[in-house]
Amino acid sequence: MMAPTPDPGAARGTHSNTSNQENGMTPRTPLDHLREKLWLKMLPDSIDVPTGPGGSPVITKPIAQATVDDVAFAAEALFRQSVALHRKADALRQIHDLARRAGAVGTVNATAAAARIVDSVE
């Protein structure tokens, strides 16, 4: 089996569209190619790129025009958001579990029940 020949347009951010053009199909973009070949179906059409300290303000940029730094900054911002969401979800899970351990069910106030179990442990 022969190794694939590198696409000369890849370094410039383009992808060869010859076969699609010959077949009368609409030429595929590099973004289409990545979504198809690398299973990146969730790759967004645009990204929010932080431009200042602390991640704001942001500019929204089409992913097809994003630089390597743009993608890195946007990915880092999303990672930080996902960590914050995970922490919130974990805190809610802990309150739920504590409330259940206190015997709370249904319409009982979860934070009050969780506080009772925490106070009984001290």
PDB file of N, CA and C in Angstrom:
ATOM      1  N   MET A   1       0.844  -1.172   0.000  1.00  0.00           N
ATOM      2  CA  MET A   1       0.000   0.000   0.000  1.00  0.00           C
ATOM      3  C   MET A   1       0.885   1.229   0.000  1.00  0.00           C
ATOM      4  N   MET A   2       0.574   2.179  -0.854  1.00  0.00           N
ATOM      5  CA  MET A   2       1.387   3.383  -0.967  1.00  0.00           C
ATOM      6  C   MET A   2       0.932   4.415   0.058  1.00  0.00           C
ATOM      7  N   ALA A   3       1.894   5.202   0.548  1.00  0.00           N
ATOM      8  CA  ALA A   3       1.570   6.285   1.474  1.00  0.00           C
ATOM      9  C   ALA A   3       0.858   7.388   0.715  1.00  0.00           C
ATOM     10  N   PRO A   4      -0.104   8.060   1.370  1.00  0.00           N
ATOM     11  CA  PRO A   4      -0.806   9.136   0.679  1.00  0.00           C
ATOM     12  C   PRO A   4       0.142  10.273   0.346  1.00  0.00           C
ATOM     13  N   THR A   5      -0.083  10.886  -0.797  1.00  0.00           N
ATOM     14  CA  THR A   5       0.726  12.022  -1.224  1.00  0.00           C
ATOM     15  C   THR A   5       0.195  13.265  -0.540  1.00  0.00           C
ATOM     16  N   PRO A   6       1.070  14.047   0.088  1.00  0.00           N
ATOM     17  CA  PRO A   6       0.590  15.259   0.763  1.00  0.00           C
ATOM     18  C   PRO A   6      -0.057  16.219  -0.224  1.00  0.00           C
ATOM     19  N   ASP A   7      -1.096  16.879   0.235  1.00  0.00           N
ATOM     20  CA  ASP A   7      -1.796  17.871  -0.581  1.00  0.00           C
ATOM     21  C   ASP A   7      -0.977  19.154  -0.560  1.00  0.00           C
ATOM     22  N   PRO A   8      -0.510  19.629  -1.725  1.00  0.00           N
ATOM     23  CA  PRO A   8       0.318  20.827  -1.741  1.00  0.00           C
ATOM     24  C   PRO A   8      -0.417  22.050  -1.218  1.00  0.00           C
ATOM     25  N   GLY A   9      -1.724  22.064  -1.260  1.00  0.00           N
ATOM     26  CA  GLY A   9      -2.479  23.201  -0.755  1.00  0.00           C
ATOM     27  C   GLY A   9      -2.671  23.165   0.742  1.00  0.00           C
ATOM     28  N   ALA A  10      -2.359  22.048   1.385  1.00  0.00           N
ATOM     29  CA  ALA A  10      -2.617  21.904   2.813  1.00  0.00           C
ATOM     30  C   ALA A  10      -1.849  22.924   3.637  1.00  0.00           C
ATOM     31  N   ALA A  11      -0.632  23.221   3.263  1.00  0.00           N
ATOM     32  CA  ALA A  11       0.168  24.171   4.032  1.00  0.00           C
ATOM     33  C   ALA A  11      -0.408  25.578   3.941  1.00  0.00           C
ATOM     34  N   ARG A  12      -1.125  25.869   2.856  1.00  0.00           N
ATOM     35  CA  ARG A  12      -1.711  27.197   2.692  1.00  0.00           C
ATOM     36  C   ARG A  12      -3.125  27.261   3.243  1.00  0.00           C
ATOM     37  N   GLY A  13      -3.640  26.148   3.799  1.00  0.00           N
ATOM     38  CA  GLY A  13      -4.990  26.157   4.342  1.00  0.00           C
ATOM     39  C   GLY A  13      -6.057  25.889   3.303  1.00  0.00           C
ATOM     40  N   THR A  14      -5.655  25.335   2.161  1.00  0.00           N
ATOM     41  CA  THR A  14      -6.630  24.977   1.142  1.00  0.00           C
ATOM     42  C   THR A  14      -6.611  23.472   0.988  1.00  0.00           C
ATOM     43  N   HIS A  15      -7.575  22.951   0.306  1.00  0.00           N
ATOM     44  CA  HIS A  15      -7.642  21.519   0.070  1.00  0.00           C
ATOM     45  C   HIS A  15      -7.986  21.307  -1.391  1.00  0.00           C
ATOM     46  N   SER A  16      -7.362  20.343  -1.984  1.00  0.00           N
ATOM     47  CA  SER A  16      -7.585  20.065  -3.393  1.00  0.00           C
ATOM     48  C   SER A  16      -9.042  19.703  -3.638  1.00  0.00           C
ATOM     49  N   ASN A  17      -9.655  20.370  -4.605  1.00  0.00           N
ATOM     50  CA  ASN A  17     -11.051  20.131  -4.938  1.00  0.00           C
ATOM     51  C   ASN A  17     -11.209  19.533  -6.325  1.00  0.00           C
ATOM     52  N   THR A  18     -10.108  19.064  -6.909  1.00  0.00           N
ATOM     53  CA  THR A  18     -10.128  18.611  -8.289  1.00  0.00           C
ATOM     54  C   THR A  18     -11.174  17.528  -8.526  1.00  0.00           C
ATOM     55  N   SER A  19     -11.191  16.490  -7.696  1.00  0.00           N
ATOM     56  CA  SER A  19     -12.117  15.388  -7.951  1.00  0.00           C
ATOM     57  C   SER A  19     -13.564  15.839  -7.835  1.00  0.00           C
ATOM     58  N   ASN A  20     -13.875  16.708  -6.899  1.00  0.00           N
ATOM     59  CA  ASN A  20     -15.242  17.199  -6.775  1.00  0.00           C
ATOM     60  C   ASN A  20     -15.619  18.081  -7.954  1.00  0.00           C
ATOM     61  N   GLN A  21     -14.699  18.911  -8.422  1.00  0.00           N
ATOM     62  CA  GLN A  21     -14.995  19.779  -9.545  1.00  0.00           C
ATOM     63  C   GLN A  21     -15.207  18.962 -10.807  1.00  0.00           C
ATOM     64  N   GLU A  22     -14.422  17.916 -11.009  1.00  0.00           N
ATOM     65  CA  GLU A  22     -14.561  17.072 -12.188  1.00  0.00           C
ATOM     66  C   GLU A  22     -15.890  16.343 -12.183  1.00  0.00           C
ATOM     67  N   ASN A  23     -16.408  16.017 -10.998  1.00  0.00           N
ATOM     68  CA  ASN A  23     -17.675  15.306 -10.886  1.00  0.00           C
ATOM     69  C   ASN A  23     -18.869  16.243 -10.937  1.00  0.00           C
ATOM     70  N   GLY A  24     -18.628  17.545 -11.108  1.00  0.00           N
ATOM     71  CA  GLY A  24     -19.723  18.499 -11.153  1.00  0.00           C
ATOM     72  C   GLY A  24     -20.273  18.831  -9.778  1.00  0.00           C
ATOM     73  N   MET A  25     -19.565  18.422  -8.737  1.00  0.00           N
ATOM     74  CA  MET A  25     -20.011  18.690  -7.371  1.00  0.00           C
ATOM     75  C   MET A  25     -19.453  20.036  -6.920  1.00  0.00           C
ATOM     76  N   THR A  26     -20.079  20.592  -5.906  1.00  0.00           N
ATOM     77  CA  THR A  26     -19.573  21.827  -5.312  1.00  0.00           C
ATOM     78  C   THR A  26     -18.240  21.510  -4.643  1.00  0.00           C
ATOM     79  N   PRO A  27     -17.224  22.328  -4.862  1.00  0.00           N
ATOM     80  CA  PRO A  27     -15.925  22.074  -4.234  1.00  0.00           C
ATOM     81  C   PRO A  27     -16.049  22.071  -2.717  1.00  0.00           C
ATOM     82  N   ARG A  28     -15.368  21.124  -2.086  1.00  0.00           N
ATOM     83  CA  ARG A  28     -15.374  21.046  -0.630  1.00  0.00           C
ATOM     84  C   ARG A  28     -14.365  22.020  -0.065  1.00  0.00           C
ATOM     85  N   THR A  29     -14.717  22.586   1.064  1.00  0.00           N
ATOM     86  CA  THR A  29     -13.803  23.490   1.759  1.00  0.00           C
ATOM     87  C   THR A  29     -12.922  22.674   2.695  1.00  0.00           C
ATOM     88  N   PRO A  30     -11.832  23.252   3.164  1.00  0.00           N
ATOM     89  CA  PRO A  30     -11.023  22.545   4.165  1.00  0.00           C
ATOM     90  C   PRO A  30     -11.850  22.182   5.398  1.00  0.00           C
ATOM     91  N   LEU A  31     -12.787  23.054   5.774  1.00  0.00           N
ATOM     92  CA  LEU A  31     -13.643  22.773   6.921  1.00  0.00           C
ATOM     93  C   LEU A  31     -14.521  21.549   6.664  1.00  0.00           C
ATOM     94  N   ASP A  32     -15.110  21.458   5.473  1.00  0.00           N
ATOM     95  CA  ASP A  32     -15.899  20.271   5.110  1.00  0.00           C
ATOM     96  C   ASP A  32     -15.043  19.015   5.187  1.00  0.00           C
ATOM     97  N   HIS A  33     -13.823  19.124   4.680  1.00  0.00           N
ATOM     98  CA  HIS A  33     -12.908  17.983   4.672  1.00  0.00           C
ATOM     99  C   HIS A  33     -12.598  17.526   6.102  1.00  0.00           C
ATOM    100  N   LEU A  34     -12.311  18.468   6.991  1.00  0.00           N
ATOM    101  CA  LEU A  34     -12.013  18.110   8.380  1.00  0.00           C
ATOM    102  C   LEU A  34     -13.216  17.474   9.059  1.00  0.00           C
ATOM    103  N   ARG A  35     -14.379  18.025   8.811  1.00  0.00           N
ATOM    104  CA  ARG A  35     -15.587  17.470   9.427  1.00  0.00           C
ATOM    105  C   ARG A  35     -15.833  16.039   8.968  1.00  0.00           C
ATOM    106  N   GLU A  36     -15.563  15.768   7.716  1.00  0.00           N
ATOM    107  CA  GLU A  36     -15.802  14.439   7.164  1.00  0.00           C
ATOM    108  C   GLU A  36     -14.710  13.442   7.565  1.00  0.00           C
ATOM    109  N   LYS A  37     -13.470  13.828   7.401  1.00  0.00           N
ATOM    110  CA  LYS A  37     -12.365  12.888   7.576  1.00  0.00           C
ATOM    111  C   LYS A  37     -11.955  12.670   9.028  1.00  0.00           C
ATOM    112  N   LEU A  38     -12.101  13.676   9.869  1.00  0.00           N
ATOM    113  CA  LEU A  38     -11.632  13.548  11.248  1.00  0.00           C
ATOM    114  C   LEU A  38     -12.775  13.430  12.249  1.00  0.00           C
ATOM    115  N   TRP A  39     -13.965  13.176  11.764  1.00  0.00           N
ATOM    116  CA  TRP A  39     -15.113  13.010  12.639  1.00  0.00           C
ATOM    117  C   TRP A  39     -15.322  14.246  13.505  1.00  0.00           C
ATOM    118  N   LEU A  40     -15.105  15.404  12.929  1.00  0.00           N
ATOM    119  CA  LEU A  40     -15.272  16.656  13.670  1.00  0.00           C
ATOM    120  C   LEU A  40     -16.617  17.304  13.336  1.00  0.00           C
ATOM    121  N   LYS A  41     -17.658  16.511  13.381  1.00  0.00           N
ATOM    122  CA  LYS A  41     -18.994  17.011  13.049  1.00  0.00           C
ATOM    123  C   LYS A  41     -19.405  18.157  13.974  1.00  0.00           C
ATOM    124  N   MET A  42     -18.890  18.164  15.203  1.00  0.00           N
ATOM    125  CA  MET A  42     -19.245  19.198  16.172  1.00  0.00           C
ATOM    126  C   MET A  42     -18.425  20.475  15.990  1.00  0.00           C
ATOM    127  N   LEU A  43     -17.515  20.489  15.052  1.00  0.00           N
ATOM    128  CA  LEU A  43     -16.716  21.675  14.804  1.00  0.00           C
ATOM    129  C   LEU A  43     -17.653  22.821  14.424  1.00  0.00           C
ATOM    130  N   PRO A  44     -17.628  23.909  15.193  1.00  0.00           N
ATOM    131  CA  PRO A  44     -18.585  24.990  14.934  1.00  0.00           C
ATOM    132  C   PRO A  44     -18.238  25.771  13.670  1.00  0.00           C
ATOM    133  N   ASP A  45     -19.224  26.465  13.151  1.00  0.00           N
ATOM    134  CA  ASP A  45     -18.989  27.326  11.992  1.00  0.00           C
ATOM    135  C   ASP A  45     -18.212  28.575  12.397  1.00  0.00           C
ATOM    136  N   SER A  46     -18.383  28.994  13.654  1.00  0.00           N
ATOM    137  CA  SER A  46     -17.668  30.176  14.141  1.00  0.00           C
ATOM    138  C   SER A  46     -17.219  29.930  15.576  1.00  0.00           C
ATOM    139  N   ILE A  47     -16.243  30.718  16.015  1.00  0.00           N
ATOM    140  CA  ILE A  47     -15.716  30.602  17.379  1.00  0.00           C
ATOM    141  C   ILE A  47     -15.662  31.980  18.005  1.00  0.00           C
ATOM    142  N   ASP A  48     -15.736  32.013  19.337  1.00  0.00           N
ATOM    143  CA  ASP A  48     -15.573  33.248  20.085  1.00  0.00           C
ATOM    144  C   ASP A  48     -14.134  33.300  20.564  1.00  0.00           C
ATOM    145  N   VAL A  49     -13.410  34.292  20.084  1.00  0.00           N
ATOM    146  CA  VAL A  49     -11.992  34.424  20.394  1.00  0.00           C
ATOM    147  C   VAL A  49     -11.816  35.536  21.427  1.00  0.00           C
ATOM    148  N   PRO A  50     -11.332  35.194  22.635  1.00  0.00           N
ATOM    149  CA  PRO A  50     -11.077  36.228  23.634  1.00  0.00           C
ATOM    150  C   PRO A  50      -9.995  37.178  23.134  1.00  0.00           C
ATOM    151  N   THR A  51     -10.202  38.476  23.371  1.00  0.00           N
ATOM    152  CA  THR A  51      -9.237  39.454  22.877  1.00  0.00           C
ATOM    153  C   THR A  51      -8.604  40.277  23.987  1.00  0.00           C
ATOM    154  N   GLY A  52      -9.097  40.122  25.196  1.00  0.00           N
ATOM    155  CA  GLY A  52      -8.564  40.929  26.286  1.00  0.00           C
ATOM    156  C   GLY A  52      -8.261  40.102  27.512  1.00  0.00           C
ATOM    157  N   PRO A  53      -7.754  40.769  28.545  1.00  0.00           N
ATOM    158  CA  PRO A  53      -7.451  40.058  29.782  1.00  0.00           C
ATOM    159  C   PRO A  53      -8.722  39.479  30.391  1.00  0.00           C
ATOM    160  N   GLY A  54      -8.609  38.300  30.951  1.00  0.00           N
ATOM    161  CA  GLY A  54      -9.761  37.658  31.557  1.00  0.00           C
ATOM    162  C   GLY A  54     -10.733  37.060  30.572  1.00  0.00           C
ATOM    163  N   GLY A  55     -10.384  37.059  29.310  1.00  0.00           N
ATOM    164  CA  GLY A  55     -11.232  36.413  28.315  1.00  0.00           C
ATOM    165  C   GLY A  55     -12.290  37.292  27.693  1.00  0.00           C
ATOM    166  N   SER A  56     -12.292  38.578  28.020  1.00  0.00           N
ATOM    167  CA  SER A  56     -13.277  39.436  27.381  1.00  0.00           C
ATOM    168  C   SER A  56     -12.612  40.749  27.009  1.00  0.00           C
ATOM    169  N   PRO A  57     -13.083  41.423  26.022  1.00  0.00           N
ATOM    170  CA  PRO A  57     -14.197  41.045  25.157  1.00  0.00           C
ATOM    171  C   PRO A  57     -13.787  39.934  24.192  1.00  0.00           C
ATOM    172  N   VAL A  58     -14.780  39.432  23.480  1.00  0.00           N
ATOM    173  CA  VAL A  58     -14.514  38.392  22.486  1.00  0.00           C
ATOM    174  C   VAL A  58     -14.946  38.895  21.118  1.00  0.00           C
ATOM    175  N   ILE A  59     -14.329  38.312  20.105  1.00  0.00           N
ATOM    176  CA  ILE A  59     -14.807  38.542  18.745  1.00  0.00           C
ATOM    177  C   ILE A  59     -15.246  37.191  18.194  1.00  0.00           C
ATOM    178  N   THR A  60     -16.316  37.202  17.445  1.00  0.00           N
ATOM    179  CA  THR A  60     -16.792  35.976  16.806  1.00  0.00           C
ATOM    180  C   THR A  60     -16.186  35.940  15.412  1.00  0.00           C
ATOM    181  N   LYS A  61     -15.548  34.807  15.118  1.00  0.00           N
ATOM    182  CA  LYS A  61     -14.827  34.674  13.861  1.00  0.00           C
ATOM    183  C   LYS A  61     -15.222  33.351  13.207  1.00  0.00           C
ATOM    184  N   PRO A  62     -15.453  33.356  11.888  1.00  0.00           N
ATOM    185  CA  PRO A  62     -15.711  32.083  11.204  1.00  0.00           C
ATOM    186  C   PRO A  62     -14.515  31.145  11.389  1.00  0.00           C
ATOM    187  N   ILE A  63     -14.773  29.902  11.707  1.00  0.00           N
ATOM    188  CA  ILE A  63     -13.695  28.934  11.947  1.00  0.00           C
ATOM    189  C   ILE A  63     -12.816  28.798  10.709  1.00  0.00           C
ATOM    190  N   ALA A  64     -13.395  28.965   9.534  1.00  0.00           N
ATOM    191  CA  ALA A  64     -12.625  28.842   8.296  1.00  0.00           C
ATOM    192  C   ALA A  64     -11.602  29.969   8.137  1.00  0.00           C
ATOM    193  N   GLN A  65     -11.743  31.040   8.916  1.00  0.00           N
ATOM    194  CA  GLN A  65     -10.802  32.158   8.851  1.00  0.00           C
ATOM    195  C   GLN A  65      -9.930  32.256  10.102  1.00  0.00           C
ATOM    196  N   ALA A  66     -10.091  31.327  11.025  1.00  0.00           N
ATOM    197  CA  ALA A  66      -9.387  31.394  12.303  1.00  0.00           C
ATOM    198  C   ALA A  66      -7.923  30.990  12.173  1.00  0.00           C
ATOM    199  N   THR A  67      -7.082  31.698  12.917  1.00  0.00           N
ATOM    200  CA  THR A  67      -5.669  31.344  12.968  1.00  0.00           C
ATOM    201  C   THR A  67      -5.472  30.255  14.016  1.00  0.00           C
ATOM    202  N   VAL A  68      -4.276  29.717  14.060  1.00  0.00           N
ATOM    203  CA  VAL A  68      -3.954  28.709  15.069  1.00  0.00           C
ATOM    204  C   VAL A  68      -4.128  29.305  16.468  1.00  0.00           C
ATOM    205  N   ASP A  69      -3.665  30.536  16.662  1.00  0.00           N
ATOM    206  CA  ASP A  69      -3.835  31.193  17.964  1.00  0.00           C
ATOM    207  C   ASP A  69      -5.309  31.409  18.293  1.00  0.00           C
ATOM    208  N   ASP A  70      -6.108  31.816  17.304  1.00  0.00           N
ATOM    209  CA  ASP A  70      -7.538  31.999  17.536  1.00  0.00           C
ATOM    210  C   ASP A  70      -8.169  30.719  18.067  1.00  0.00           C
ATOM    211  N   VAL A  71      -7.853  29.603  17.422  1.00  0.00           N
ATOM    212  CA  VAL A  71      -8.412  28.314  17.830  1.00  0.00           C
ATOM    213  C   VAL A  71      -7.933  27.961  19.240  1.00  0.00           C
ATOM    214  N   ALA A  72      -6.659  28.186  19.519  1.00  0.00           N
ATOM    215  CA  ALA A  72      -6.124  27.876  20.851  1.00  0.00           C
ATOM    216  C   ALA A  72      -6.805  28.708  21.931  1.00  0.00           C
ATOM    217  N   PHE A  73      -6.958  30.015  21.687  1.00  0.00           N
ATOM    218  CA  PHE A  73      -7.594  30.884  22.684  1.00  0.00           C
ATOM    219  C   PHE A  73      -9.062  30.525  22.877  1.00  0.00           C
ATOM    220  N   ALA A  74      -9.757  30.234  21.789  1.00  0.00           N
ATOM    221  CA  ALA A  74     -11.168  29.851  21.884  1.00  0.00           C
ATOM    222  C   ALA A  74     -11.323  28.520  22.609  1.00  0.00           C
ATOM    223  N   ALA A  75     -10.445  27.564  22.313  1.00  0.00           N
ATOM    224  CA  ALA A  75     -10.512  26.255  22.970  1.00  0.00           C
ATOM    225  C   ALA A  75     -10.240  26.395  24.465  1.00  0.00           C
ATOM    226  N   GLU A  76      -9.268  27.207  24.828  1.00  0.00           N
ATOM    227  CA  GLU A  76      -8.959  27.419  26.246  1.00  0.00           C
ATOM    228  C   GLU A  76     -10.141  28.055  26.966  1.00  0.00           C
ATOM    229  N   ALA A  77     -10.778  29.035  26.340  1.00  0.00           N
ATOM    230  CA  ALA A  77     -11.942  29.675  26.954  1.00  0.00           C
ATOM    231  C   ALA A  77     -13.076  28.665  27.148  1.00  0.00           C
ATOM    232  N   LEU A  78     -13.318  27.821  26.148  1.00  0.00           N
ATOM    233  CA  LEU A  78     -14.353  26.790  26.279  1.00  0.00           C
ATOM    234  C   LEU A  78     -13.998  25.782  27.360  1.00  0.00           C
ATOM    235  N   PHE A  79     -12.719  25.427  27.455  1.00  0.00           N
ATOM    236  CA  PHE A  79     -12.292  24.497  28.496  1.00  0.00           C
ATOM    237  C   PHE A  79     -12.563  25.089  29.872  1.00  0.00           C
ATOM    238  N   ARG A  80     -12.246  26.359  30.053  1.00  0.00           N
ATOM    239  CA  ARG A  80     -12.496  27.008  31.349  1.00  0.00           C
ATOM    240  C   ARG A  80     -13.989  27.038  31.661  1.00  0.00           C
ATOM    241  N   GLN A  81     -14.800  27.293  30.644  1.00  0.00           N
ATOM    242  CA  GLN A  81     -16.251  27.275  30.847  1.00  0.00           C
ATOM    243  C   GLN A  81     -16.729  25.881  31.227  1.00  0.00           C
ATOM    244  N   SER A  82     -16.164  24.868  30.580  1.00  0.00           N
ATOM    245  CA  SER A  82     -16.589  23.499  30.884  1.00  0.00           C
ATOM    246  C   SER A  82     -16.182  23.099  32.296  1.00  0.00           C
ATOM    247  N   VAL A  83     -15.017  23.558  32.757  1.00  0.00           N
ATOM    248  CA  VAL A  83     -14.595  23.285  34.128  1.00  0.00           C
ATOM    249  C   VAL A  83     -15.563  23.942  35.109  1.00  0.00           C
ATOM    250  N   ALA A  84     -15.926  25.190  34.835  1.00  0.00           N
ATOM    251  CA  ALA A  84     -16.864  25.897  35.707  1.00  0.00           C
ATOM    252  C   ALA A  84     -18.223  25.187  35.735  1.00  0.00           C
ATOM    253  N   LEU A  85     -18.698  24.734  34.578  1.00  0.00           N
ATOM    254  CA  LEU A  85     -19.969  23.997  34.525  1.00  0.00           C
ATOM    255  C   LEU A  85     -19.884  22.683  35.287  1.00  0.00           C
ATOM    256  N   HIS A  86     -18.759  21.999  35.161  1.00  0.00           N
ATOM    257  CA  HIS A  86     -18.576  20.742  35.875  1.00  0.00           C
ATOM    258  C   HIS A  86     -18.608  20.979  37.384  1.00  0.00           C
ATOM    259  N   ARG A  87     -17.959  22.040  37.831  1.00  0.00           N
ATOM    260  CA  ARG A  87     -17.960  22.356  39.269  1.00  0.00           C
ATOM    261  C   ARG A  87     -19.368  22.663  39.766  1.00  0.00           C
ATOM    262  N   LYS A  88     -20.137  23.417  38.981  1.00  0.00           N
ATOM    263  CA  LYS A  88     -21.518  23.716  39.369  1.00  0.00           C
ATOM    264  C   LYS A  88     -22.350  22.436  39.434  1.00  0.00           C
ATOM    265  N   ALA A  89     -22.213  21.591  38.413  1.00  0.00           N
ATOM    266  CA  ALA A  89     -22.966  20.335  38.390  1.00  0.00           C
ATOM    267  C   ALA A  89     -22.584  19.456  39.578  1.00  0.00           C
ATOM    268  N   ASP A  90     -21.288  19.422  39.906  1.00  0.00           N
ATOM    269  CA  ASP A  90     -20.831  18.627  41.034  1.00  0.00           C
ATOM    270  C   ASP A  90     -21.391  19.172  42.350  1.00  0.00           C
ATOM    271  N   ALA A  91     -21.425  20.496  42.499  1.00  0.00           N
ATOM    272  CA  ALA A  91     -21.984  21.096  43.720  1.00  0.00           C
ATOM    273  C   ALA A  91     -23.465  20.749  43.857  1.00  0.00           C
ATOM    274  N   LEU A  92     -24.204  20.809  42.758  1.00  0.00           N
ATOM    275  CA  LEU A  92     -25.617  20.438  42.794  1.00  0.00           C
ATOM    276  C   LEU A  92     -25.790  18.957  43.147  1.00  0.00           C
ATOM    277  N   ARG A  93     -24.937  18.126  42.575  1.00  0.00           N
ATOM    278  CA  ARG A  93     -24.995  16.687  42.873  1.00  0.00           C
ATOM    279  C   ARG A  93     -24.733  16.451  44.362  1.00  0.00           C
ATOM    280  N   GLN A  94     -23.767  17.174  44.920  1.00  0.00           N
ATOM    281  CA  GLN A  94     -23.461  17.021  46.343  1.00  0.00           C
ATOM    282  C   GLN A  94     -24.634  17.446  47.220  1.00  0.00           C
ATOM    283  N   ILE A  95     -25.274  18.583  46.884  1.00  0.00           N
ATOM    284  CA  ILE A  95     -26.442  19.016  47.656  1.00  0.00           C
ATOM    285  C   ILE A  95     -27.543  17.972  47.568  1.00  0.00           C
ATOM    286  N   HIS A  96     -27.785  17.462  46.376  1.00  0.00           N
ATOM    287  CA  HIS A  96     -28.805  16.428  46.197  1.00  0.00           C
ATOM    288  C   HIS A  96     -28.495  15.202  47.049  1.00  0.00           C
ATOM    289  N   ASP A  97     -27.253  14.739  46.966  1.00  0.00           N
ATOM    290  CA  ASP A  97     -26.880  13.540  47.717  1.00  0.00           C
ATOM    291  C   ASP A  97     -26.972  13.755  49.221  1.00  0.00           C
ATOM    292  N   LEU A  98     -26.527  14.911  49.699  1.00  0.00           N
ATOM    293  CA  LEU A  98     -26.636  15.211  51.128  1.00  0.00           C
ATOM    294  C   LEU A  98     -28.091  15.286  51.569  1.00  0.00           C
ATOM    295  N   ALA A  99     -28.922  15.925  50.768  1.00  0.00           N
ATOM    296  CA  ALA A  99     -30.342  16.024  51.092  1.00  0.00           C
ATOM    297  C   ALA A  99     -30.983  14.643  51.143  1.00  0.00           C
ATOM    298  N   ARG A 100     -30.637  13.794  50.213  1.00  0.00           N
ATOM    299  CA  ARG A 100     -31.165  12.417  50.222  1.00  0.00           C
ATOM    300  C   ARG A 100     -30.698  11.652  51.461  1.00  0.00           C
ATOM    301  N   ARG A 101     -29.428  11.842  51.820  1.00  0.00           N
ATOM    302  CA  ARG A 101     -28.912  11.183  53.037  1.00  0.00           C
ATOM    303  C   ARG A 101     -29.654  11.668  54.278  1.00  0.00           C
ATOM    304  N   ALA A 102     -30.137  12.904  54.232  1.00  0.00           N
ATOM    305  CA  ALA A 102     -30.902  13.457  55.350  1.00  0.00           C
ATOM    306  C   ALA A 102     -32.353  12.984  55.322  1.00  0.00           C
ATOM    307  N   GLY A 103     -32.716  12.228  54.289  1.00  0.00           N
ATOM    308  CA  GLY A 103     -34.069  11.693  54.187  1.00  0.00           C
ATOM    309  C   GLY A 103     -35.015  12.555  53.371  1.00  0.00           C
ATOM    310  N   ALA A 104     -34.509  13.594  52.761  1.00  0.00           N
ATOM    311  CA  ALA A 104     -35.367  14.484  51.977  1.00  0.00           C
ATOM    312  C   ALA A 104     -35.745  13.837  50.649  1.00  0.00           C
ATOM    313  N   VAL A 105     -36.990  14.090  50.237  1.00  0.00           N
ATOM    314  CA  VAL A 105     -37.490  13.620  48.946  1.00  0.00           C
ATOM    315  C   VAL A 105     -38.386  14.687  48.340  1.00  0.00           C
ATOM    316  N   GLY A 106     -38.622  14.570  47.059  1.00  0.00           N
ATOM    317  CA  GLY A 106     -39.621  15.381  46.366  1.00  0.00           C
ATOM    318  C   GLY A 106     -39.531  16.870  46.576  1.00  0.00           C
ATOM    319  N   THR A 107     -40.544  17.440  47.242  1.00  0.00           N
ATOM    320  CA  THR A 107     -40.674  18.893  47.355  1.00  0.00           C
ATOM    321  C   THR A 107     -39.995  19.482  48.589  1.00  0.00           C
ATOM    322  N   VAL A 108     -39.253  18.681  49.337  1.00  0.00           N
ATOM    323  CA  VAL A 108     -38.526  19.185  50.508  1.00  0.00           C
ATOM    324  C   VAL A 108     -37.389  20.083  50.026  1.00  0.00           C
ATOM    325  N   ASN A 109     -37.132  21.173  50.738  1.00  0.00           N
ATOM    326  CA  ASN A 109     -36.064  22.095  50.363  1.00  0.00           C
ATOM    327  C   ASN A 109     -34.715  21.384  50.466  1.00  0.00           C
ATOM    328  N   ALA A 110     -34.010  21.312  49.348  1.00  0.00           N
ATOM    329  CA  ALA A 110     -32.755  20.548  49.271  1.00  0.00           C
ATOM    330  C   ALA A 110     -31.645  21.171  50.096  1.00  0.00           C
ATOM    331  N   THR A 111     -31.490  22.496  50.045  1.00  0.00           N
ATOM    332  CA  THR A 111     -30.386  23.112  50.796  1.00  0.00           C
ATOM    333  C   THR A 111     -30.611  23.018  52.293  1.00  0.00           C
ATOM    334  N   ALA A 112     -31.858  23.143  52.739  1.00  0.00           N
ATOM    335  CA  ALA A 112     -32.142  23.015  54.172  1.00  0.00           C
ATOM    336  C   ALA A 112     -31.838  21.602  54.655  1.00  0.00           C
ATOM    337  N   ALA A 113     -32.232  20.607  53.869  1.00  0.00           N
ATOM    338  CA  ALA A 113     -31.966  19.212  54.251  1.00  0.00           C
ATOM    339  C   ALA A 113     -30.468  18.927  54.226  1.00  0.00           C
ATOM    340  N   ALA A 114     -29.769  19.426  53.212  1.00  0.00           N
ATOM    341  CA  ALA A 114     -28.318  19.214  53.130  1.00  0.00           C
ATOM    342  C   ALA A 114     -27.625  19.880  54.302  1.00  0.00           C
ATOM    343  N   ALA A 115     -28.072  21.064  54.696  1.00  0.00           N
ATOM    344  CA  ALA A 115     -27.467  21.765  55.835  1.00  0.00           C
ATOM    345  C   ALA A 115     -27.664  20.968  57.131  1.00  0.00           C
ATOM    346  N   ARG A 116     -28.818  20.322  57.274  1.00  0.00           N
ATOM    347  CA  ARG A 116     -29.057  19.512  58.482  1.00  0.00           C
ATOM    348  C   ARG A 116     -28.063  18.361  58.569  1.00  0.00           C
ATOM    349  N   ILE A 117     -27.813  17.689  57.456  1.00  0.00           N
ATOM    350  CA  ILE A 117     -26.888  16.544  57.486  1.00  0.00           C
ATOM    351  C   ILE A 117     -25.469  17.014  57.728  1.00  0.00           C
ATOM    352  N   VAL A 118     -25.102  18.161  57.169  1.00  0.00           N
ATOM    353  CA  VAL A 118     -23.745  18.705  57.376  1.00  0.00           C
ATOM    354  C   VAL A 118     -23.567  19.080  58.846  1.00  0.00           C
ATOM    355  N   ASP A 119     -24.603  19.716  59.440  1.00  0.00           N
ATOM    356  CA  ASP A 119     -24.529  20.117  60.840  1.00  0.00           C
ATOM    357  C   ASP A 119     -24.443  18.905  61.772  1.00  0.00           C
ATOM    358  N   SER A 120     -25.091  17.807  61.386  1.00  0.00           N
ATOM    359  CA  SER A 120     -25.077  16.625  62.264  1.00  0.00           C
ATOM    360  C   SER A 120     -23.713  15.923  62.229  1.00  0.00           C
ATOM    361  N   VAL A 121     -22.911  16.144  61.215  1.00  0.00           N
ATOM    362  CA  VAL A 121     -21.600  15.513  61.092  1.00  0.00           C
ATOM    363  C   VAL A 121     -20.567  16.255  61.937  1.00  0.00           C
ATOM    364  N   GLU A 122     -20.741  17.556  62.125  1.00  0.00           N
ATOM    365  CA  GLU A 122     -19.750  18.360  62.861  1.00  0.00           C
ATOM    366  C   GLU A 122     -19.671  17.998  64.277  1.00  0.00           C
TER     367      GLU A 122
END
